[in-house]
Amino acid sequence: MIEFSEQLEKVMESRNFHIKGAINYSLSGKFQRFSDGSKHKRKKDLFVILHDYDRGATFGDWHYPDDWFTYWNINYEKPELAQRRLNKQLQIEKKAIQDYEKAKKQWRAKEFWNKFYTKEDPENHPYIVNKKIMPFYAKKCRSWLLIPVSDVNFNFITMQIIKPSGFKRLWKGTSQKNNMIFLCDKLQDDYRGVIRVCEGYATGCTIREITKSPVVCAINANNLLSVCVLLRRKFIHANIKICADNDKWGIDNPGLKYANSAAKILNCEIYYPDFPDSYLWKYPTDFNDLYVLFGQNETKKQLLMKR
């Protein structure tokens, strides 16, 4: 055991891998977590895992998964089967760490969201004023507008943060993938009414205010298909209608491209706004732009105009 520990420590040193603390050589098959001994920081980002105690070890920084290194004891052969089992185990352990970090970020987002239940009136936020919308389900924290992002089962996952300039981002470390913004109260699984799906929050608020039907925001175009598929699986009797962005001023019109793809796969209706070429200088794209430029009557007309 002493011989193996000396071997391992030399290899770790040769790869500039310096841990703060001592490896427990009686612990096998589990990650041991350490701080970086070469830096003055508290975060424990370095990991070492022993294989069959003294047969081998894998070590690395979880921030750099491609740079992990596996060392085998020179007194043992390296069986191909053992290597495969090791690689599979390493993948499982890495995923567990990633899932833990993801869950921690989501927990922090929820804790932050719960702090601001009645703090400030979101109707006075510059983004809400500029977009002329009702801030459905939003909260205000200083200069931030907070929008809850959920999974298809209405479970809070993270939140979207909108600044006064209109810049949007999700809570750090969280993802929009397969998540959405519900602009309605919780729906039953046997819901048989209309669900309108769009991209952005302002567009969703405009559609919700005009149609009064449940609205789901996919956050952006490339998440539209996955959101529609999840909604179809969850609410099999619902009438899903896609209210797409019309990015006619851009390249390849991604708003309509992704919306048409989703509509074709789900066999559902699609609606999108149309703007005169004279408004090119404003670059309008969605139903909120239509509402701001032309008012409620024109917006309602086009929301009911199936393409």
C-alpha atoms as a PDB file:
ATOM      1  CA  MET A   1       0.000   0.000   0.000  1.00  0.00           C
ATOM      2  CA  ILE A   2       2.858   2.384   0.854  1.00  0.00           C
ATOM      3  CA  GLU A   3       4.540   1.608  -2.431  1.00  0.00           C
ATOM      4  CA  PHE A   4       1.358   2.369  -4.377  1.00  0.00           C
ATOM      5  CA  SER A   5       0.802   5.626  -2.497  1.00  0.00           C
ATOM      6  CA  GLU A   6       4.303   6.762  -3.407  1.00  0.00           C
ATOM      7  CA  GLN A   7       3.697   5.836  -7.044  1.00  0.00           C
ATOM      8  CA  LEU A   8       0.399   7.706  -7.163  1.00  0.00           C
ATOM      9  CA  GLU A   9       1.714  10.828  -5.472  1.00  0.00           C
ATOM     10  CA  LYS A  10       4.637  11.019  -7.909  1.00  0.00           C
ATOM     11  CA  VAL A  11       2.284  10.715 -10.863  1.00  0.00           C
ATOM     12  CA  MET A  12      -0.025  13.375  -9.445  1.00  0.00           C
ATOM     13  CA  GLU A  13       2.929  15.681  -8.863  1.00  0.00           C
ATOM     14  CA  SER A  14       4.198  15.131 -12.412  1.00  0.00           C
ATOM     15  CA  ARG A  15       0.796  16.285 -13.714  1.00  0.00           C
ATOM     16  CA  ASN A  16       0.768  19.373 -11.447  1.00  0.00           C
ATOM     17  CA  PHE A  17      -2.139  17.934  -9.457  1.00  0.00           C
ATOM     18  CA  HIS A  18      -1.741  19.186  -5.886  1.00  0.00           C
ATOM     19  CA  ILE A  19      -4.360  18.373  -3.289  1.00  0.00           C
ATOM     20  CA  LYS A  20      -4.796  19.820   0.162  1.00  0.00           C
ATOM     21  CA  GLY A  21      -5.057  16.937   2.608  1.00  0.00           C
ATOM     22  CA  ALA A  22      -4.303  13.204   2.574  1.00  0.00           C
ATOM     23  CA  ILE A  23      -5.838  10.427   0.482  1.00  0.00           C
ATOM     24  CA  ASN A  24      -7.660   7.725   2.443  1.00  0.00           C
ATOM     25  CA  TYR A  25      -6.158   4.559   0.944  1.00  0.00           C
ATOM     26  CA  SER A  26      -8.647   2.346   2.796  1.00  0.00           C
ATOM     27  CA  LEU A  27     -11.521   3.830   0.756  1.00  0.00           C
ATOM     28  CA  SER A  28     -12.178   2.271  -2.645  1.00  0.00           C
ATOM     29  CA  GLY A  29     -14.685   2.990  -5.396  1.00  0.00           C
ATOM     30  CA  LYS A  30     -15.814   6.373  -4.055  1.00  0.00           C
ATOM     31  CA  PHE A  31     -14.780   9.909  -4.871  1.00  0.00           C
ATOM     32  CA  GLN A  32     -12.599  11.726  -2.351  1.00  0.00           C
ATOM     33  CA  ARG A  33     -12.907  15.479  -2.651  1.00  0.00           C
ATOM     34  CA  PHE A  34     -10.074  17.943  -2.023  1.00  0.00           C
ATOM     35  CA  SER A  35      -9.224  21.613  -2.274  1.00  0.00           C
ATOM     36  CA  ASP A  36      -6.453  22.690  -4.625  1.00  0.00           C
ATOM     37  CA  GLY A  37      -3.265  22.742  -2.553  1.00  0.00           C
ATOM     38  CA  SER A  38      -1.549  25.121  -4.975  1.00  0.00           C
ATOM     39  CA  LYS A  39      -4.183  27.843  -4.623  1.00  0.00           C
ATOM     40  CA  HIS A  40      -5.707  29.802  -1.761  1.00  0.00           C
ATOM     41  CA  LYS A  41      -9.349  28.878  -2.120  1.00  0.00           C
ATOM     42  CA  ARG A  42     -11.931  26.931  -0.162  1.00  0.00           C
ATOM     43  CA  LYS A  43     -13.789  25.232  -3.016  1.00  0.00           C
ATOM     44  CA  LYS A  44     -13.251  21.488  -3.178  1.00  0.00           C
ATOM     45  CA  ASP A  45     -13.034  20.928  -6.913  1.00  0.00           C
ATOM     46  CA  LEU A  46     -10.386  18.154  -7.113  1.00  0.00           C
ATOM     47  CA  PHE A  47     -11.308  14.467  -6.944  1.00  0.00           C
ATOM     48  CA  VAL A  48      -9.465  11.177  -6.466  1.00  0.00           C
ATOM     49  CA  ILE A  49     -11.033   7.725  -6.739  1.00  0.00           C
ATOM     50  CA  LEU A  50      -9.177   4.495  -5.863  1.00  0.00           C
ATOM     51  CA  HIS A  51      -9.867   1.277  -7.760  1.00  0.00           C
ATOM     52  CA  ASP A  52      -9.666  -1.935  -5.715  1.00  0.00           C
ATOM     53  CA  TYR A  53      -7.681   0.022  -3.113  1.00  0.00           C
ATOM     54  CA  ASP A  54      -4.202  -0.360  -4.622  1.00  0.00           C
ATOM     55  CA  ARG A  55      -4.888  -1.490  -8.178  1.00  0.00           C
ATOM     56  CA  GLY A  56      -5.196   1.993  -9.625  1.00  0.00           C
ATOM     57  CA  ALA A  57      -6.608   5.482  -9.237  1.00  0.00           C
ATOM     58  CA  THR A  58      -8.286   8.233 -11.268  1.00  0.00           C
ATOM     59  CA  PHE A  59      -7.940  11.915 -10.467  1.00  0.00           C
ATOM     60  CA  GLY A  60      -8.965  15.233 -11.965  1.00  0.00           C
ATOM     61  CA  ASP A  61     -10.717  18.573 -11.649  1.00  0.00           C
ATOM     62  CA  TRP A  62     -14.502  18.379 -12.196  1.00  0.00           C
ATOM     63  CA  HIS A  63     -14.334  21.680 -14.112  1.00  0.00           C
ATOM     64  CA  TYR A  64     -12.236  19.925 -16.790  1.00  0.00           C
ATOM     65  CA  PRO A  65     -13.760  16.455 -17.402  1.00  0.00           C
ATOM     66  CA  ASP A  66     -11.604  15.822 -20.492  1.00  0.00           C
ATOM     67  CA  ASP A  67      -8.365  16.145 -18.497  1.00  0.00           C
ATOM     68  CA  TRP A  68      -8.962  13.392 -15.962  1.00  0.00           C
ATOM     69  CA  PHE A  69      -6.135  10.857 -15.701  1.00  0.00           C
ATOM     70  CA  THR A  70      -6.200   7.172 -14.732  1.00  0.00           C
ATOM     71  CA  TYR A  71      -3.050   5.613 -13.246  1.00  0.00           C
ATOM     72  CA  TRP A  72      -2.562   1.879 -12.787  1.00  0.00           C
ATOM     73  CA  ASN A  73      -0.294   0.290 -10.220  1.00  0.00           C
ATOM     74  CA  ILE A  74       2.845  -0.962 -12.002  1.00  0.00           C
ATOM     75  CA  ASN A  75       2.593  -4.204  -9.988  1.00  0.00           C
ATOM     76  CA  TYR A  76      -0.689  -5.095 -11.674  1.00  0.00           C
ATOM     77  CA  GLU A  77      -1.686  -5.705 -15.248  1.00  0.00           C
ATOM     78  CA  LYS A  78      -4.423  -3.523 -16.760  1.00  0.00           C
ATOM     79  CA  PRO A  79      -7.239  -5.896 -17.791  1.00  0.00           C
ATOM     80  CA  GLU A  80      -9.397  -4.637 -20.652  1.00  0.00           C
ATOM     81  CA  LEU A  81     -12.578  -5.630 -18.817  1.00  0.00           C
ATOM     82  CA  ALA A  82     -11.513  -3.740 -15.712  1.00  0.00           C
ATOM     83  CA  GLN A  83     -10.786  -0.672 -17.828  1.00  0.00           C
ATOM     84  CA  ARG A  84     -14.268  -0.768 -19.350  1.00  0.00           C
ATOM     85  CA  ARG A  85     -15.866  -1.172 -15.938  1.00  0.00           C
ATOM     86  CA  LEU A  86     -13.770   1.694 -14.650  1.00  0.00           C
ATOM     87  CA  ASN A  87     -14.777   4.000 -17.511  1.00  0.00           C
ATOM     88  CA  LYS A  88     -18.445   3.214 -16.965  1.00  0.00           C
ATOM     89  CA  GLN A  89     -18.160   3.805 -13.229  1.00  0.00           C
ATOM     90  CA  LEU A  90     -16.328   7.074 -13.847  1.00  0.00           C
ATOM     91  CA  GLN A  91     -19.089   8.279 -16.153  1.00  0.00           C
ATOM     92  CA  ILE A  92     -21.704   7.428 -13.528  1.00  0.00           C
ATOM     93  CA  GLU A  93     -19.783   9.241 -10.805  1.00  0.00           C
ATOM     94  CA  LYS A  94     -19.234  12.310 -12.985  1.00  0.00           C
ATOM     95  CA  LYS A  95     -22.932  12.455 -13.835  1.00  0.00           C
ATOM     96  CA  ALA A  96     -23.775  12.201 -10.138  1.00  0.00           C
ATOM     97  CA  ILE A  97     -21.541  15.186  -9.432  1.00  0.00           C
ATOM     98  CA  GLN A  98     -23.074  17.174 -12.293  1.00  0.00           C
ATOM     99  CA  ASP A  99     -26.594  16.323 -11.119  1.00  0.00           C
ATOM    100  CA  TYR A 100     -25.693  17.412  -7.605  1.00  0.00           C
ATOM    101  CA  GLU A 101     -24.316  20.743  -8.812  1.00  0.00           C
ATOM    102  CA  LYS A 102     -27.391  21.260 -11.005  1.00  0.00           C
ATOM    103  CA  ALA A 103     -29.752  20.515  -8.109  1.00  0.00           C
ATOM    104  CA  LYS A 104     -27.800  22.914  -5.883  1.00  0.00           C
ATOM    105  CA  LYS A 105     -28.138  25.735  -8.438  1.00  0.00           C
ATOM    106  CA  GLN A 106     -31.875  25.056  -8.771  1.00  0.00           C
ATOM    107  CA  TRP A 107     -32.285  25.085  -4.989  1.00  0.00           C
ATOM    108  CA  ARG A 108     -30.520  28.437  -4.754  1.00  0.00           C
ATOM    109  CA  ALA A 109     -32.732  29.858  -7.509  1.00  0.00           C
ATOM    110  CA  LYS A 110     -35.844  28.720  -5.649  1.00  0.00           C
ATOM    111  CA  GLU A 111     -34.596  30.157  -2.362  1.00  0.00           C
ATOM    112  CA  PHE A 112     -33.954  33.504  -4.047  1.00  0.00           C
ATOM    113  CA  TRP A 113     -37.378  33.424  -5.736  1.00  0.00           C
ATOM    114  CA  ASN A 114     -39.154  32.760  -2.443  1.00  0.00           C
ATOM    115  CA  LYS A 115     -37.553  35.814  -0.808  1.00  0.00           C
ATOM    116  CA  PHE A 116     -39.360  38.232  -3.106  1.00  0.00           C
ATOM    117  CA  TYR A 117     -43.014  37.302  -2.782  1.00  0.00           C
ATOM    118  CA  THR A 118     -44.434  40.809  -2.071  1.00  0.00           C
ATOM    119  CA  LYS A 119     -41.376  43.045  -2.060  1.00  0.00           C
ATOM    120  CA  GLU A 120     -41.964  45.355  -5.030  1.00  0.00           C
ATOM    121  CA  ASP A 121     -44.561  45.998  -7.726  1.00  0.00           C
ATOM    122  CA  PRO A 122     -43.364  44.507 -11.057  1.00  0.00           C
ATOM    123  CA  GLU A 123     -45.762  46.720 -13.055  1.00  0.00           C
ATOM    124  CA  ASN A 124     -43.337  49.618 -12.637  1.00  0.00           C
ATOM    125  CA  HIS A 125     -40.381  47.743 -14.122  1.00  0.00           C
ATOM    126  CA  PRO A 126     -39.084  49.518 -17.287  1.00  0.00           C
ATOM    127  CA  TYR A 127     -39.332  46.315 -19.350  1.00  0.00           C
ATOM    128  CA  ILE A 128     -43.013  45.909 -18.442  1.00  0.00           C
ATOM    129  CA  VAL A 129     -43.718  49.567 -19.211  1.00  0.00           C
ATOM    130  CA  ASN A 130     -41.919  49.459 -22.573  1.00  0.00           C
ATOM    131  CA  LYS A 131     -43.660  46.255 -23.630  1.00  0.00           C
ATOM    132  CA  LYS A 132     -47.085  47.477 -22.425  1.00  0.00           C
ATOM    133  CA  ILE A 133     -47.902  44.157 -20.782  1.00  0.00           C
ATOM    134  CA  MET A 134     -49.351  42.831 -17.546  1.00  0.00           C
ATOM    135  CA  PRO A 135     -46.535  41.100 -15.616  1.00  0.00           C
ATOM    136  CA  PHE A 136     -48.201  37.710 -15.194  1.00  0.00           C
ATOM    137  CA  TYR A 137     -46.551  35.645 -12.410  1.00  0.00           C
ATOM    138  CA  ALA A 138     -43.519  37.988 -12.292  1.00  0.00           C
ATOM    139  CA  LYS A 139     -41.696  39.484  -9.329  1.00  0.00           C
ATOM    140  CA  LYS A 140     -39.405  42.482  -9.038  1.00  0.00           C
ATOM    141  CA  CYS A 141     -36.119  42.549  -7.177  1.00  0.00           C
ATOM    142  CA  ARG A 142     -34.399  45.938  -7.336  1.00  0.00           C
ATOM    143  CA  SER A 143     -33.758  46.457 -11.089  1.00  0.00           C
ATOM    144  CA  TRP A 144     -34.433  42.805 -11.970  1.00  0.00           C
ATOM    145  CA  LEU A 145     -37.668  41.311 -13.233  1.00  0.00           C
ATOM    146  CA  LEU A 146     -37.918  37.669 -12.131  1.00  0.00           C
ATOM    147  CA  ILE A 147     -39.895  35.130 -14.171  1.00  0.00           C
ATOM    148  CA  PRO A 148     -40.471  31.558 -12.867  1.00  0.00           C
ATOM    149  CA  VAL A 149     -39.355  28.730 -15.157  1.00  0.00           C
ATOM    150  CA  SER A 150     -40.896  25.291 -14.563  1.00  0.00           C
ATOM    151  CA  ASP A 151     -40.919  21.775 -15.930  1.00  0.00           C
ATOM    152  CA  VAL A 152     -44.009  20.384 -17.651  1.00  0.00           C
ATOM    153  CA  ASN A 153     -45.411  19.299 -14.263  1.00  0.00           C
ATOM    154  CA  PHE A 154     -45.403  22.917 -12.978  1.00  0.00           C
ATOM    155  CA  ASN A 155     -42.441  22.271 -10.664  1.00  0.00           C
ATOM    156  CA  PHE A 156     -40.244  25.344 -10.178  1.00  0.00           C
ATOM    157  CA  ILE A 157     -36.834  24.747 -11.783  1.00  0.00           C
ATOM    158  CA  THR A 158     -35.184  28.136 -12.173  1.00  0.00           C
ATOM    159  CA  MET A 159     -36.018  31.688 -13.158  1.00  0.00           C
ATOM    160  CA  GLN A 160     -35.400  34.082 -15.980  1.00  0.00           C
ATOM    161  CA  ILE A 161     -33.894  37.432 -15.045  1.00  0.00           C
ATOM    162  CA  ILE A 162     -34.792  40.433 -17.209  1.00  0.00           C
ATOM    163  CA  LYS A 163     -32.895  43.703 -16.834  1.00  0.00           C
ATOM    164  CA  PRO A 164     -34.368  47.162 -17.602  1.00  0.00           C
ATOM    165  CA  SER A 165     -32.536  47.129 -20.952  1.00  0.00           C
ATOM    166  CA  GLY A 166     -34.407  43.944 -21.933  1.00  0.00           C
ATOM    167  CA  PHE A 167     -31.334  41.703 -21.564  1.00  0.00           C
ATOM    168  CA  LYS A 168     -32.424  38.236 -20.424  1.00  0.00           C
ATOM    169  CA  ARG A 169     -30.614  35.356 -18.783  1.00  0.00           C
ATOM    170  CA  LEU A 170     -31.385  32.343 -16.635  1.00  0.00           C
ATOM    171  CA  TRP A 171     -30.171  31.904 -13.086  1.00  0.00           C
ATOM    172  CA  LYS A 172     -26.495  30.982 -13.291  1.00  0.00           C
ATOM    173  CA  GLY A 173     -25.837  27.260 -13.692  1.00  0.00           C
ATOM    174  CA  THR A 174     -29.397  26.349 -14.745  1.00  0.00           C
ATOM    175  CA  SER A 175     -30.762  25.400 -18.143  1.00  0.00           C
ATOM    176  CA  GLN A 176     -33.846  26.124 -20.227  1.00  0.00           C
ATOM    177  CA  LYS A 177     -33.752  22.682 -21.877  1.00  0.00           C
ATOM    178  CA  ASN A 178     -37.156  20.984 -21.587  1.00  0.00           C
ATOM    179  CA  ASN A 179     -38.317  23.776 -19.258  1.00  0.00           C
ATOM    180  CA  MET A 180     -40.890  26.503 -19.866  1.00  0.00           C
ATOM    181  CA  ILE A 181     -42.759  29.524 -18.479  1.00  0.00           C
ATOM    182  CA  PHE A 182     -46.415  28.836 -17.636  1.00  0.00           C
ATOM    183  CA  LEU A 183     -48.706  31.855 -17.841  1.00  0.00           C
ATOM    184  CA  CYS A 184     -51.661  30.078 -16.235  1.00  0.00           C
ATOM    185  CA  ASP A 185     -52.585  28.243 -13.084  1.00  0.00           C
ATOM    186  CA  LYS A 186     -51.875  24.529 -12.891  1.00  0.00           C
ATOM    187  CA  LEU A 187     -53.774  22.517 -15.502  1.00  0.00           C
ATOM    188  CA  GLN A 188     -55.245  19.065 -14.985  1.00  0.00           C
ATOM    189  CA  ASP A 189     -53.902  16.213 -17.114  1.00  0.00           C
ATOM    190  CA  ASP A 190     -57.312  15.826 -18.816  1.00  0.00           C
ATOM    191  CA  TYR A 191     -57.439  19.524 -19.836  1.00  0.00           C
ATOM    192  CA  ARG A 192     -59.240  19.779 -23.212  1.00  0.00           C
ATOM    193  CA  GLY A 193     -58.984  23.490 -23.990  1.00  0.00           C
ATOM    194  CA  VAL A 194     -56.499  25.563 -25.970  1.00  0.00           C
ATOM    195  CA  ILE A 195     -52.846  25.964 -24.976  1.00  0.00           C
ATOM    196  CA  ARG A 196     -50.956  28.607 -26.923  1.00  0.00           C
ATOM    197  CA  VAL A 197     -47.183  28.200 -27.135  1.00  0.00           C
ATOM    198  CA  CYS A 198     -44.822  31.065 -27.971  1.00  0.00           C
ATOM    199  CA  GLU A 199     -41.188  32.010 -27.442  1.00  0.00           C
ATOM    200  CA  GLY A 200     -40.669  35.003 -25.142  1.00  0.00           C
ATOM    201  CA  TYR A 201     -42.269  36.219 -21.930  1.00  0.00           C
ATOM    202  CA  ALA A 202     -43.528  39.560 -23.299  1.00  0.00           C
ATOM    203  CA  THR A 203     -45.109  37.778 -26.270  1.00  0.00           C
ATOM    204  CA  GLY A 204     -46.741  35.311 -23.895  1.00  0.00           C
ATOM    205  CA  CYS A 205     -48.165  38.059 -21.673  1.00  0.00           C
ATOM    206  CA  THR A 206     -49.629  39.808 -24.731  1.00  0.00           C
ATOM    207  CA  ILE A 207     -51.276  36.601 -25.962  1.00  0.00           C
ATOM    208  CA  ARG A 208     -52.544  35.742 -22.476  1.00  0.00           C
ATOM    209  CA  GLU A 209     -54.114  39.167 -21.983  1.00  0.00           C
ATOM    210  CA  ILE A 210     -55.849  39.175 -25.385  1.00  0.00           C
ATOM    211  CA  THR A 211     -57.009  35.536 -25.664  1.00  0.00           C
ATOM    212  CA  LYS A 212     -57.445  34.715 -21.922  1.00  0.00           C
ATOM    213  CA  SER A 213     -56.306  31.153 -22.709  1.00  0.00           C
ATOM    214  CA  PRO A 214     -53.354  29.360 -21.041  1.00  0.00           C
ATOM    215  CA  VAL A 215     -50.019  30.349 -22.559  1.00  0.00           C
ATOM    216  CA  VAL A 216     -46.663  28.579 -22.358  1.00  0.00           C
ATOM    217  CA  CYS A 217     -43.392  30.337 -23.247  1.00  0.00           C
ATOM    218  CA  ALA A 218     -40.595  28.158 -24.596  1.00  0.00           C
ATOM    219  CA  ILE A 219     -38.062  30.955 -23.850  1.00  0.00           C
ATOM    220  CA  ASN A 220     -36.498  30.738 -27.318  1.00  0.00           C
ATOM    221  CA  ALA A 221     -37.029  29.144 -30.730  1.00  0.00           C
ATOM    222  CA  ASN A 222     -34.742  26.127 -30.406  1.00  0.00           C
ATOM    223  CA  ASN A 223     -36.597  25.008 -27.263  1.00  0.00           C
ATOM    224  CA  LEU A 224     -39.999  25.257 -28.960  1.00  0.00           C
ATOM    225  CA  LEU A 225     -40.195  21.717 -30.331  1.00  0.00           C
ATOM    226  CA  SER A 226     -39.222  19.980 -27.090  1.00  0.00           C
ATOM    227  CA  VAL A 227     -41.717  22.096 -25.107  1.00  0.00           C
ATOM    228  CA  CYS A 228     -44.538  21.291 -27.548  1.00  0.00           C
ATOM    229  CA  VAL A 229     -43.736  17.571 -27.420  1.00  0.00           C
ATOM    230  CA  LEU A 230     -43.735  17.578 -23.606  1.00  0.00           C
ATOM    231  CA  LEU A 231     -47.062  19.437 -23.532  1.00  0.00           C
ATOM    232  CA  ARG A 232     -48.608  16.983 -26.002  1.00  0.00           C
ATOM    233  CA  ARG A 233     -47.513  14.018 -23.877  1.00  0.00           C
ATOM    234  CA  LYS A 234     -48.783  15.652 -20.694  1.00  0.00           C
ATOM    235  CA  PHE A 235     -52.064  17.094 -22.029  1.00  0.00           C
ATOM    236  CA  ILE A 236     -53.077  14.607 -24.715  1.00  0.00           C
ATOM    237  CA  HIS A 237     -56.559  16.128 -25.175  1.00  0.00           C
ATOM    238  CA  ALA A 238     -55.448  19.779 -25.361  1.00  0.00           C
ATOM    239  CA  ASN A 239     -55.573  21.868 -28.526  1.00  0.00           C
ATOM    240  CA  ILE A 240     -52.004  23.166 -28.879  1.00  0.00           C
ATOM    241  CA  LYS A 241     -51.570  26.256 -31.026  1.00  0.00           C
ATOM    242  CA  ILE A 242     -48.148  27.659 -31.857  1.00  0.00           C
ATOM    243  CA  CYS A 243     -47.850  31.461 -31.877  1.00  0.00           C
ATOM    244  CA  ALA A 244     -44.523  31.869 -33.629  1.00  0.00           C
ATOM    245  CA  ASP A 245     -42.123  34.754 -34.004  1.00  0.00           C
ATOM    246  CA  ASN A 246     -41.724  36.010 -37.565  1.00  0.00           C
ATOM    247  CA  ASP A 247     -38.018  36.834 -37.853  1.00  0.00           C
ATOM    248  CA  LYS A 248     -38.409  37.984 -41.452  1.00  0.00           C
ATOM    249  CA  TRP A 249     -35.644  40.558 -41.069  1.00  0.00           C
ATOM    250  CA  GLY A 250     -33.041  37.961 -40.098  1.00  0.00           C
ATOM    251  CA  ILE A 251     -31.306  35.040 -41.800  1.00  0.00           C
ATOM    252  CA  ASP A 252     -33.384  31.871 -42.404  1.00  0.00           C
ATOM    253  CA  ASN A 253     -36.195  33.208 -40.174  1.00  0.00           C
ATOM    254  CA  PRO A 254     -35.474  30.896 -37.182  1.00  0.00           C
ATOM    255  CA  GLY A 255     -38.774  31.780 -35.471  1.00  0.00           C
ATOM    256  CA  LEU A 256     -40.868  30.335 -38.301  1.00  0.00           C
ATOM    257  CA  LYS A 257     -38.363  27.597 -39.070  1.00  0.00           C
ATOM    258  CA  TYR A 258     -38.591  25.999 -35.625  1.00  0.00           C
ATOM    259  CA  ALA A 259     -42.320  26.699 -35.326  1.00  0.00           C
ATOM    260  CA  ASN A 260     -43.122  25.046 -38.669  1.00  0.00           C
ATOM    261  CA  SER A 261     -41.040  22.035 -37.708  1.00  0.00           C
ATOM    262  CA  ALA A 262     -42.916  21.654 -34.410  1.00  0.00           C
ATOM    263  CA  ALA A 263     -46.308  22.216 -36.061  1.00  0.00           C
ATOM    264  CA  LYS A 264     -45.577  19.553 -38.681  1.00  0.00           C
ATOM    265  CA  ILE A 265     -44.493  16.962 -36.126  1.00  0.00           C
ATOM    266  CA  LEU A 266     -47.423  17.612 -33.756  1.00  0.00           C
ATOM    267  CA  ASN A 267     -49.961  18.362 -36.494  1.00  0.00           C
ATOM    268  CA  CYS A 268     -51.105  21.563 -34.787  1.00  0.00           C
ATOM    269  CA  GLU A 269     -52.098  25.027 -35.966  1.00  0.00           C
ATOM    270  CA  ILE A 270     -49.566  27.811 -36.340  1.00  0.00           C
ATOM    271  CA  TYR A 271     -50.048  31.588 -36.093  1.00  0.00           C
ATOM    272  CA  TYR A 272     -47.534  34.367 -36.631  1.00  0.00           C
ATOM    273  CA  PRO A 273     -47.595  38.165 -37.006  1.00  0.00           C
ATOM    274  CA  ASP A 274     -47.055  39.906 -40.319  1.00  0.00           C
ATOM    275  CA  PHE A 275     -45.582  43.400 -40.596  1.00  0.00           C
ATOM    276  CA  PRO A 276     -45.445  45.887 -43.489  1.00  0.00           C
ATOM    277  CA  ASP A 277     -42.018  46.372 -45.059  1.00  0.00           C
ATOM    278  CA  SER A 278     -42.215  50.037 -44.045  1.00  0.00           C
ATOM    279  CA  TYR A 279     -41.499  48.920 -40.469  1.00  0.00           C
ATOM    280  CA  LEU A 280     -38.165  47.307 -41.359  1.00  0.00           C
ATOM    281  CA  TRP A 281     -36.262  49.936 -39.376  1.00  0.00           C
ATOM    282  CA  LYS A 282     -37.992  48.783 -36.163  1.00  0.00           C
ATOM    283  CA  TYR A 283     -37.255  45.060 -36.783  1.00  0.00           C
ATOM    284  CA  PRO A 284     -40.550  43.802 -35.299  1.00  0.00           C
ATOM    285  CA  THR A 285     -40.820  40.027 -34.917  1.00  0.00           C
ATOM    286  CA  ASP A 286     -43.473  38.871 -32.432  1.00  0.00           C
ATOM    287  CA  PHE A 287     -47.042  39.464 -31.279  1.00  0.00           C
ATOM    288  CA  ASN A 288     -45.896  41.906 -28.605  1.00  0.00           C
ATOM    289  CA  ASP A 289     -44.237  44.042 -31.268  1.00  0.00           C
ATOM    290  CA  LEU A 290     -47.482  43.874 -33.223  1.00  0.00           C
ATOM    291  CA  TYR A 291     -49.438  44.954 -30.145  1.00  0.00           C
ATOM    292  CA  VAL A 292     -47.115  47.898 -29.397  1.00  0.00           C
ATOM    293  CA  LEU A 293     -47.159  49.090 -33.028  1.00  0.00           C
ATOM    294  CA  PHE A 294     -50.765  48.447 -34.094  1.00  0.00           C
ATOM    295  CA  GLY A 295     -52.811  47.883 -30.941  1.00  0.00           C
ATOM    296  CA  GLN A 296     -55.060  45.189 -29.544  1.00  0.00           C
ATOM    297  CA  ASN A 297     -57.559  44.831 -32.417  1.00  0.00           C
ATOM    298  CA  GLU A 298     -54.934  44.075 -35.067  1.00  0.00           C
ATOM    299  CA  THR A 299     -53.102  41.737 -32.714  1.00  0.00           C
ATOM    300  CA  LYS A 300     -56.270  39.810 -31.886  1.00  0.00           C
ATOM    301  CA  LYS A 301     -57.118  39.592 -35.584  1.00  0.00           C
ATOM    302  CA  GLN A 302     -53.762  38.031 -36.467  1.00  0.00           C
ATOM    303  CA  LEU A 303     -53.796  35.749 -33.405  1.00  0.00           C
ATOM    304  CA  LEU A 304     -56.959  34.173 -34.812  1.00  0.00           C
ATOM    305  CA  MET A 305     -55.723  34.102 -38.431  1.00  0.00           C
ATOM    306  CA  LYS A 306     -54.497  30.588 -39.121  1.00  0.00           C
ATOM    307  CA  ARG A 307     -51.677  30.514 -41.688  1.00  0.00           C
END
